[in-house]
Amino acid sequence: MLSLQAGEPNTPEYCRQEAEIRQEVGERFEGLRVAVGEVAEGIARASSVIENLNRRLRTYFFLRRRLGPGYLDLLRFFLNHLRFLRSERAEREGKSPAEILMGTRHPHRMELLGFGRALHN
């Protein structure tokens, strides 16, 4: 269904796919179409997420050889808990990737590491 919704309507491939799905799910087709559409709206496009991640990581890779593998774990933690200052999607502003994924607000990343609030503003 997701592939169908991403396709171009009124093409032979679209019509074939739609007919196959309608035959398989019958009268549940419209409800399924709506439900899949709602879920799809909440999913980030993978290419934009990966491009963003690559852009952010590129500046850190030169340090990896000097600091060792533990550095990559710390970097992953930092980037997963760094809150977005701005986003194309308003619901993501002021939230970290971890907060978006979990759907809950997290303490500051320094507190998650066991440090007190006196170490950060």
N, C-alpha and C. Protein backbone atom coordinates (compact mmCIF):
# COMPACT_ATOMS: atom_id res chain seq x y z
N MET A 1 0.83 -1.20 0.00
CA MET A 1 0.00 0.00 0.00
C MET A 1 0.87 1.25 0.00
N LEU A 2 1.95 1.22 0.76
CA LEU A 2 2.85 2.37 0.82
C LEU A 2 3.48 2.61 -0.55
N SER A 3 3.88 1.54 -1.20
CA SER A 3 4.45 1.65 -2.55
C SER A 3 3.42 2.20 -3.52
N LEU A 4 2.19 1.77 -3.38
CA LEU A 4 1.11 2.26 -4.24
C LEU A 4 0.92 3.76 -4.05
N GLN A 5 0.90 4.21 -2.79
CA GLN A 5 0.69 5.63 -2.53
C GLN A 5 1.83 6.49 -3.02
N ALA A 6 3.02 5.92 -3.12
CA ALA A 6 4.16 6.68 -3.62
C ALA A 6 4.19 6.71 -5.14
N GLY A 7 3.39 5.84 -5.77
CA GLY A 7 3.39 5.74 -7.23
C GLY A 7 2.61 6.86 -7.90
N GLU A 8 2.71 6.87 -9.20
CA GLU A 8 2.03 7.88 -10.03
C GLU A 8 0.67 7.33 -10.46
N PRO A 9 -0.43 7.97 -10.00
CA PRO A 9 -1.76 7.48 -10.39
C PRO A 9 -1.94 7.49 -11.91
N ASN A 10 -2.87 6.68 -12.36
CA ASN A 10 -3.24 6.59 -13.78
C ASN A 10 -2.13 6.05 -14.66
N THR A 11 -1.21 5.29 -14.09
CA THR A 11 -0.20 4.59 -14.89
C THR A 11 -0.55 3.11 -14.84
N PRO A 12 -0.12 2.34 -15.84
CA PRO A 12 -0.44 0.90 -15.83
C PRO A 12 0.08 0.19 -14.57
N GLU A 13 1.27 0.53 -14.11
CA GLU A 13 1.84 -0.12 -12.91
C GLU A 13 0.99 0.21 -11.68
N TYR A 14 0.57 1.45 -11.55
CA TYR A 14 -0.26 1.87 -10.41
C TYR A 14 -1.58 1.09 -10.42
N CYS A 15 -2.22 1.02 -11.58
CA CYS A 15 -3.51 0.32 -11.69
C CYS A 15 -3.35 -1.17 -11.38
N ARG A 16 -2.26 -1.79 -11.82
CA ARG A 16 -2.02 -3.20 -11.56
C ARG A 16 -1.85 -3.43 -10.05
N GLN A 17 -1.02 -2.58 -9.44
CA GLN A 17 -0.77 -2.70 -8.00
C GLN A 17 -2.06 -2.50 -7.20
N GLU A 18 -2.83 -1.47 -7.57
CA GLU A 18 -4.08 -1.19 -6.87
C GLU A 18 -5.04 -2.37 -6.98
N ALA A 19 -5.15 -2.95 -8.17
CA ALA A 19 -6.04 -4.09 -8.38
C ALA A 19 -5.60 -5.28 -7.52
N GLU A 20 -4.31 -5.54 -7.43
CA GLU A 20 -3.80 -6.64 -6.61
C GLU A 20 -4.15 -6.44 -5.14
N ILE A 21 -3.94 -5.22 -4.66
CA ILE A 21 -4.22 -4.93 -3.25
C ILE A 21 -5.72 -5.01 -2.98
N ARG A 22 -6.53 -4.45 -3.87
CA ARG A 22 -7.99 -4.50 -3.69
C ARG A 22 -8.48 -5.95 -3.66
N GLN A 23 -7.90 -6.81 -4.50
CA GLN A 23 -8.29 -8.21 -4.53
C GLN A 23 -7.91 -8.89 -3.21
N GLU A 24 -6.75 -8.53 -2.67
CA GLU A 24 -6.28 -9.17 -1.44
C GLU A 24 -7.04 -8.71 -0.19
N VAL A 25 -7.32 -7.40 -0.08
CA VAL A 25 -7.92 -6.87 1.15
C VAL A 25 -9.41 -6.59 1.03
N GLY A 26 -9.94 -6.60 -0.17
CA GLY A 26 -11.37 -6.42 -0.38
C GLY A 26 -11.89 -5.08 0.09
N GLU A 27 -12.97 -5.13 0.88
CA GLU A 27 -13.65 -3.90 1.31
C GLU A 27 -12.86 -3.10 2.35
N ARG A 28 -11.79 -3.66 2.84
CA ARG A 28 -10.94 -2.93 3.80
C ARG A 28 -9.96 -1.99 3.10
N PHE A 29 -9.99 -1.93 1.78
CA PHE A 29 -9.02 -1.16 1.00
C PHE A 29 -8.96 0.31 1.43
N GLU A 30 -10.10 0.98 1.49
CA GLU A 30 -10.10 2.42 1.81
C GLU A 30 -9.59 2.69 3.22
N GLY A 31 -10.00 1.90 4.19
CA GLY A 31 -9.52 2.07 5.55
C GLY A 31 -8.01 1.85 5.64
N LEU A 32 -7.53 0.84 4.93
CA LEU A 32 -6.10 0.56 4.90
C LEU A 32 -5.34 1.70 4.24
N ARG A 33 -5.89 2.22 3.14
CA ARG A 33 -5.25 3.33 2.44
C ARG A 33 -5.10 4.54 3.35
N VAL A 34 -6.15 4.86 4.10
CA VAL A 34 -6.13 6.00 5.01
C VAL A 34 -5.14 5.77 6.14
N ALA A 35 -5.16 4.57 6.74
CA ALA A 35 -4.27 4.25 7.86
C ALA A 35 -2.80 4.30 7.44
N VAL A 36 -2.49 3.74 6.29
CA VAL A 36 -1.10 3.76 5.80
C VAL A 36 -0.68 5.19 5.50
N GLY A 37 -1.56 5.99 4.94
CA GLY A 37 -1.25 7.40 4.67
C GLY A 37 -0.93 8.17 5.94
N GLU A 38 -1.69 7.92 7.00
CA GLU A 38 -1.44 8.60 8.28
C GLU A 38 -0.10 8.19 8.87
N VAL A 39 0.22 6.92 8.80
CA VAL A 39 1.52 6.45 9.32
C VAL A 39 2.65 7.04 8.49
N ALA A 40 2.48 7.06 7.17
CA ALA A 40 3.53 7.57 6.28
C ALA A 40 3.84 9.04 6.54
N GLU A 41 2.84 9.82 6.94
CA GLU A 41 3.07 11.24 7.22
C GLU A 41 4.01 11.45 8.40
N GLY A 42 4.02 10.51 9.33
CA GLY A 42 4.86 10.64 10.53
C GLY A 42 6.26 10.07 10.38
N ILE A 43 6.58 9.56 9.21
CA ILE A 43 7.89 8.95 8.98
C ILE A 43 8.79 9.92 8.23
N ALA A 44 10.01 10.10 8.75
CA ALA A 44 10.97 10.98 8.08
C ALA A 44 11.51 10.28 6.84
N ARG A 45 11.73 11.05 5.80
CA ARG A 45 12.33 10.48 4.59
C ARG A 45 13.77 10.08 4.91
N ALA A 46 14.10 8.87 4.59
CA ALA A 46 15.42 8.31 4.95
C ALA A 46 16.56 9.09 4.31
N SER A 47 16.42 9.49 3.07
CA SER A 47 17.54 10.16 2.42
C SER A 47 17.86 11.50 3.10
N SER A 48 16.85 12.24 3.50
CA SER A 48 17.12 13.52 4.15
C SER A 48 17.74 13.31 5.53
N VAL A 49 17.31 12.27 6.24
CA VAL A 49 17.87 11.97 7.54
C VAL A 49 19.34 11.57 7.40
N ILE A 50 19.63 10.71 6.43
CA ILE A 50 21.01 10.25 6.22
C ILE A 50 21.89 11.40 5.76
N GLU A 51 21.40 12.24 4.87
CA GLU A 51 22.18 13.39 4.41
C GLU A 51 22.49 14.32 5.58
N ASN A 52 21.52 14.54 6.44
CA ASN A 52 21.73 15.38 7.63
C ASN A 52 22.77 14.75 8.53
N LEU A 53 22.66 13.45 8.76
CA LEU A 53 23.60 12.76 9.63
C LEU A 53 25.01 12.81 9.05
N ASN A 54 25.17 12.53 7.77
CA ASN A 54 26.49 12.58 7.14
C ASN A 54 27.10 13.97 7.24
N ARG A 55 26.31 14.99 7.02
CA ARG A 55 26.81 16.36 7.10
C ARG A 55 27.30 16.65 8.52
N ARG A 56 26.55 16.20 9.52
CA ARG A 56 26.93 16.46 10.91
C ARG A 56 28.16 15.66 11.33
N LEU A 57 28.27 14.43 10.86
CA LEU A 57 29.38 13.56 11.26
C LEU A 57 30.70 13.91 10.58
N ARG A 58 30.63 14.40 9.38
CA ARG A 58 31.84 14.68 8.60
C ARG A 58 32.85 15.53 9.38
N THR A 59 32.37 16.47 10.16
CA THR A 59 33.28 17.36 10.89
C THR A 59 33.98 16.66 12.05
N TYR A 60 33.47 15.49 12.46
CA TYR A 60 34.06 14.79 13.60
C TYR A 60 35.01 13.65 13.22
N PHE A 61 34.95 13.18 11.99
CA PHE A 61 35.69 11.98 11.63
C PHE A 61 37.20 12.10 11.72
N PHE A 62 37.75 13.30 11.56
CA PHE A 62 39.20 13.43 11.62
C PHE A 62 39.74 13.10 13.02
N LEU A 63 38.91 13.17 14.05
CA LEU A 63 39.33 12.89 15.42
C LEU A 63 39.33 11.39 15.75
N ARG A 64 38.64 10.61 14.98
CA ARG A 64 38.40 9.21 15.31
C ARG A 64 39.69 8.41 15.51
N ARG A 65 40.71 8.65 14.70
CA ARG A 65 41.96 7.88 14.81
C ARG A 65 42.71 8.22 16.09
N ARG A 66 42.63 9.44 16.53
CA ARG A 66 43.36 9.85 17.73
C ARG A 66 42.67 9.43 19.01
N LEU A 67 41.35 9.41 19.00
CA LEU A 67 40.60 9.19 20.24
C LEU A 67 40.10 7.76 20.44
N GLY A 68 40.08 6.94 19.43
CA GLY A 68 39.71 5.54 19.56
C GLY A 68 38.22 5.27 19.44
N PRO A 69 37.82 3.99 19.58
CA PRO A 69 36.43 3.59 19.35
C PRO A 69 35.45 4.15 20.39
N GLY A 70 35.90 4.39 21.61
CA GLY A 70 35.01 4.96 22.62
C GLY A 70 34.50 6.33 22.21
N TYR A 71 35.31 7.03 21.42
CA TYR A 71 34.92 8.35 20.92
C TYR A 71 33.65 8.26 20.08
N LEU A 72 33.54 7.23 19.25
CA LEU A 72 32.36 7.11 18.39
C LEU A 72 31.10 6.85 19.22
N ASP A 73 31.23 6.11 20.32
CA ASP A 73 30.08 5.90 21.20
C ASP A 73 29.64 7.21 21.84
N LEU A 74 30.60 7.98 22.30
CA LEU A 74 30.28 9.27 22.91
C LEU A 74 29.68 10.23 21.88
N LEU A 75 30.23 10.22 20.67
CA LEU A 75 29.70 11.06 19.59
C LEU A 75 28.26 10.68 19.27
N ARG A 76 28.00 9.39 19.19
CA ARG A 76 26.64 8.92 18.91
C ARG A 76 25.69 9.40 20.00
N PHE A 77 26.08 9.26 21.25
CA PHE A 77 25.25 9.72 22.37
C PHE A 77 25.00 11.23 22.25
N PHE A 78 26.07 11.98 22.01
CA PHE A 78 25.95 13.45 21.91
C PHE A 78 24.96 13.84 20.81
N LEU A 79 25.13 13.27 19.62
CA LEU A 79 24.28 13.66 18.50
C LEU A 79 22.84 13.18 18.68
N ASN A 80 22.64 12.05 19.32
CA ASN A 80 21.27 11.58 19.57
C ASN A 80 20.54 12.42 20.61
N HIS A 81 21.29 13.14 21.44
CA HIS A 81 20.66 13.94 22.50
C HIS A 81 20.82 15.45 22.31
N LEU A 82 21.39 15.85 21.19
CA LEU A 82 21.52 17.27 20.87
C LEU A 82 20.18 17.75 20.29
N ARG A 83 19.60 18.75 20.90
CA ARG A 83 18.28 19.23 20.46
C ARG A 83 18.40 20.09 19.21
N PHE A 84 17.46 19.91 18.29
CA PHE A 84 17.42 20.68 17.05
C PHE A 84 17.02 22.12 17.36
N LEU A 85 17.79 23.08 16.88
CA LEU A 85 17.44 24.48 17.05
C LEU A 85 16.34 24.88 16.07
N ARG A 86 16.37 24.27 14.90
CA ARG A 86 15.35 24.55 13.88
C ARG A 86 15.11 23.29 13.07
N SER A 87 13.97 23.23 12.42
CA SER A 87 13.62 22.09 11.60
C SER A 87 12.55 22.51 10.61
N GLU A 88 12.47 21.80 9.50
CA GLU A 88 11.39 22.04 8.55
C GLU A 88 10.05 21.64 9.15
N ARG A 89 10.09 20.76 10.13
CA ARG A 89 8.88 20.29 10.80
C ARG A 89 8.85 20.90 12.21
N ALA A 90 7.89 21.75 12.46
CA ALA A 90 7.81 22.50 13.72
C ALA A 90 7.79 21.59 14.94
N GLU A 91 7.19 20.41 14.82
CA GLU A 91 7.10 19.51 15.97
C GLU A 91 8.46 18.94 16.39
N ARG A 92 9.49 19.12 15.58
CA ARG A 92 10.83 18.63 15.93
C ARG A 92 11.72 19.70 16.57
N GLU A 93 11.35 20.95 16.46
CA GLU A 93 12.17 22.03 17.02
C GLU A 93 12.28 21.90 18.53
N GLY A 94 13.49 22.05 19.04
CA GLY A 94 13.72 21.99 20.47
C GLY A 94 13.75 20.58 21.03
N LYS A 95 13.74 19.56 20.14
CA LYS A 95 13.77 18.17 20.57
C LYS A 95 15.00 17.49 19.97
N SER A 96 15.49 16.49 20.67
CA SER A 96 16.61 15.71 20.17
C SER A 96 16.08 14.53 19.36
N PRO A 97 16.93 13.90 18.53
CA PRO A 97 16.48 12.69 17.83
C PRO A 97 15.96 11.62 18.78
N ALA A 98 16.60 11.45 19.94
CA ALA A 98 16.15 10.46 20.92
C ALA A 98 14.76 10.82 21.46
N GLU A 99 14.51 12.09 21.70
CA GLU A 99 13.20 12.52 22.19
C GLU A 99 12.13 12.32 21.13
N ILE A 100 12.46 12.57 19.88
CA ILE A 100 11.51 12.37 18.79
C ILE A 100 11.17 10.89 18.67
N LEU A 101 12.19 10.04 18.73
CA LEU A 101 11.99 8.61 18.61
C LEU A 101 11.16 8.05 19.76
N MET A 102 11.47 8.47 20.98
CA MET A 102 10.79 7.94 22.16
C MET A 102 9.46 8.64 22.44
N GLY A 103 9.29 9.85 21.93
CA GLY A 103 8.05 10.58 22.16
C GLY A 103 7.95 11.19 23.54
N THR A 104 9.08 11.30 24.25
CA THR A 104 9.08 11.89 25.59
C THR A 104 10.23 12.86 25.73
N ARG A 105 10.08 13.80 26.63
CA ARG A 105 11.15 14.76 26.92
C ARG A 105 12.19 14.09 27.80
N HIS A 106 13.47 14.30 27.51
CA HIS A 106 14.56 13.72 28.30
C HIS A 106 15.27 14.80 29.10
N PRO A 107 15.93 14.41 30.18
CA PRO A 107 16.78 15.38 30.88
C PRO A 107 17.92 15.82 29.95
N HIS A 108 18.59 16.87 30.32
CA HIS A 108 19.73 17.35 29.54
C HIS A 108 20.76 16.23 29.42
N ARG A 109 21.48 16.19 28.31
CA ARG A 109 22.44 15.10 28.06
C ARG A 109 23.50 14.97 29.15
N MET A 110 23.88 16.08 29.79
CA MET A 110 24.88 15.99 30.86
C MET A 110 24.30 15.27 32.07
N GLU A 111 23.02 15.48 32.33
CA GLU A 111 22.36 14.78 33.43
C GLU A 111 22.24 13.29 33.11
N LEU A 112 22.00 12.96 31.84
CA LEU A 112 21.93 11.55 31.45
C LEU A 112 23.28 10.86 31.65
N LEU A 113 24.36 11.62 31.58
CA LEU A 113 25.70 11.07 31.80
C LEU A 113 26.08 11.02 33.29
N GLY A 114 25.21 11.55 34.15
CA GLY A 114 25.45 11.49 35.58
C GLY A 114 26.08 12.76 36.17
N PHE A 115 26.13 13.83 35.37
CA PHE A 115 26.67 15.09 35.88
C PHE A 115 25.54 16.00 36.30
N GLY A 116 25.81 16.90 37.23
CA GLY A 116 24.79 17.80 37.73
C GLY A 116 24.55 18.99 36.81
N ARG A 117 23.52 19.76 37.11
CA ARG A 117 23.17 20.93 36.30
C ARG A 117 24.20 22.03 36.38
N ALA A 118 25.08 22.02 37.37
CA ALA A 118 26.08 23.07 37.52
C ALA A 118 27.09 23.08 36.38
N LEU A 119 27.19 21.97 35.64
CA LEU A 119 28.17 21.86 34.56
C LEU A 119 27.68 22.45 33.24
N HIS A 120 26.43 22.77 33.16
CA HIS A 120 25.89 23.32 31.90
C HIS A 120 24.79 24.33 32.22
N ASN A 121 24.49 25.14 31.22
CA ASN A 121 23.42 26.14 31.37
C ASN A 121 22.18 25.69 30.67
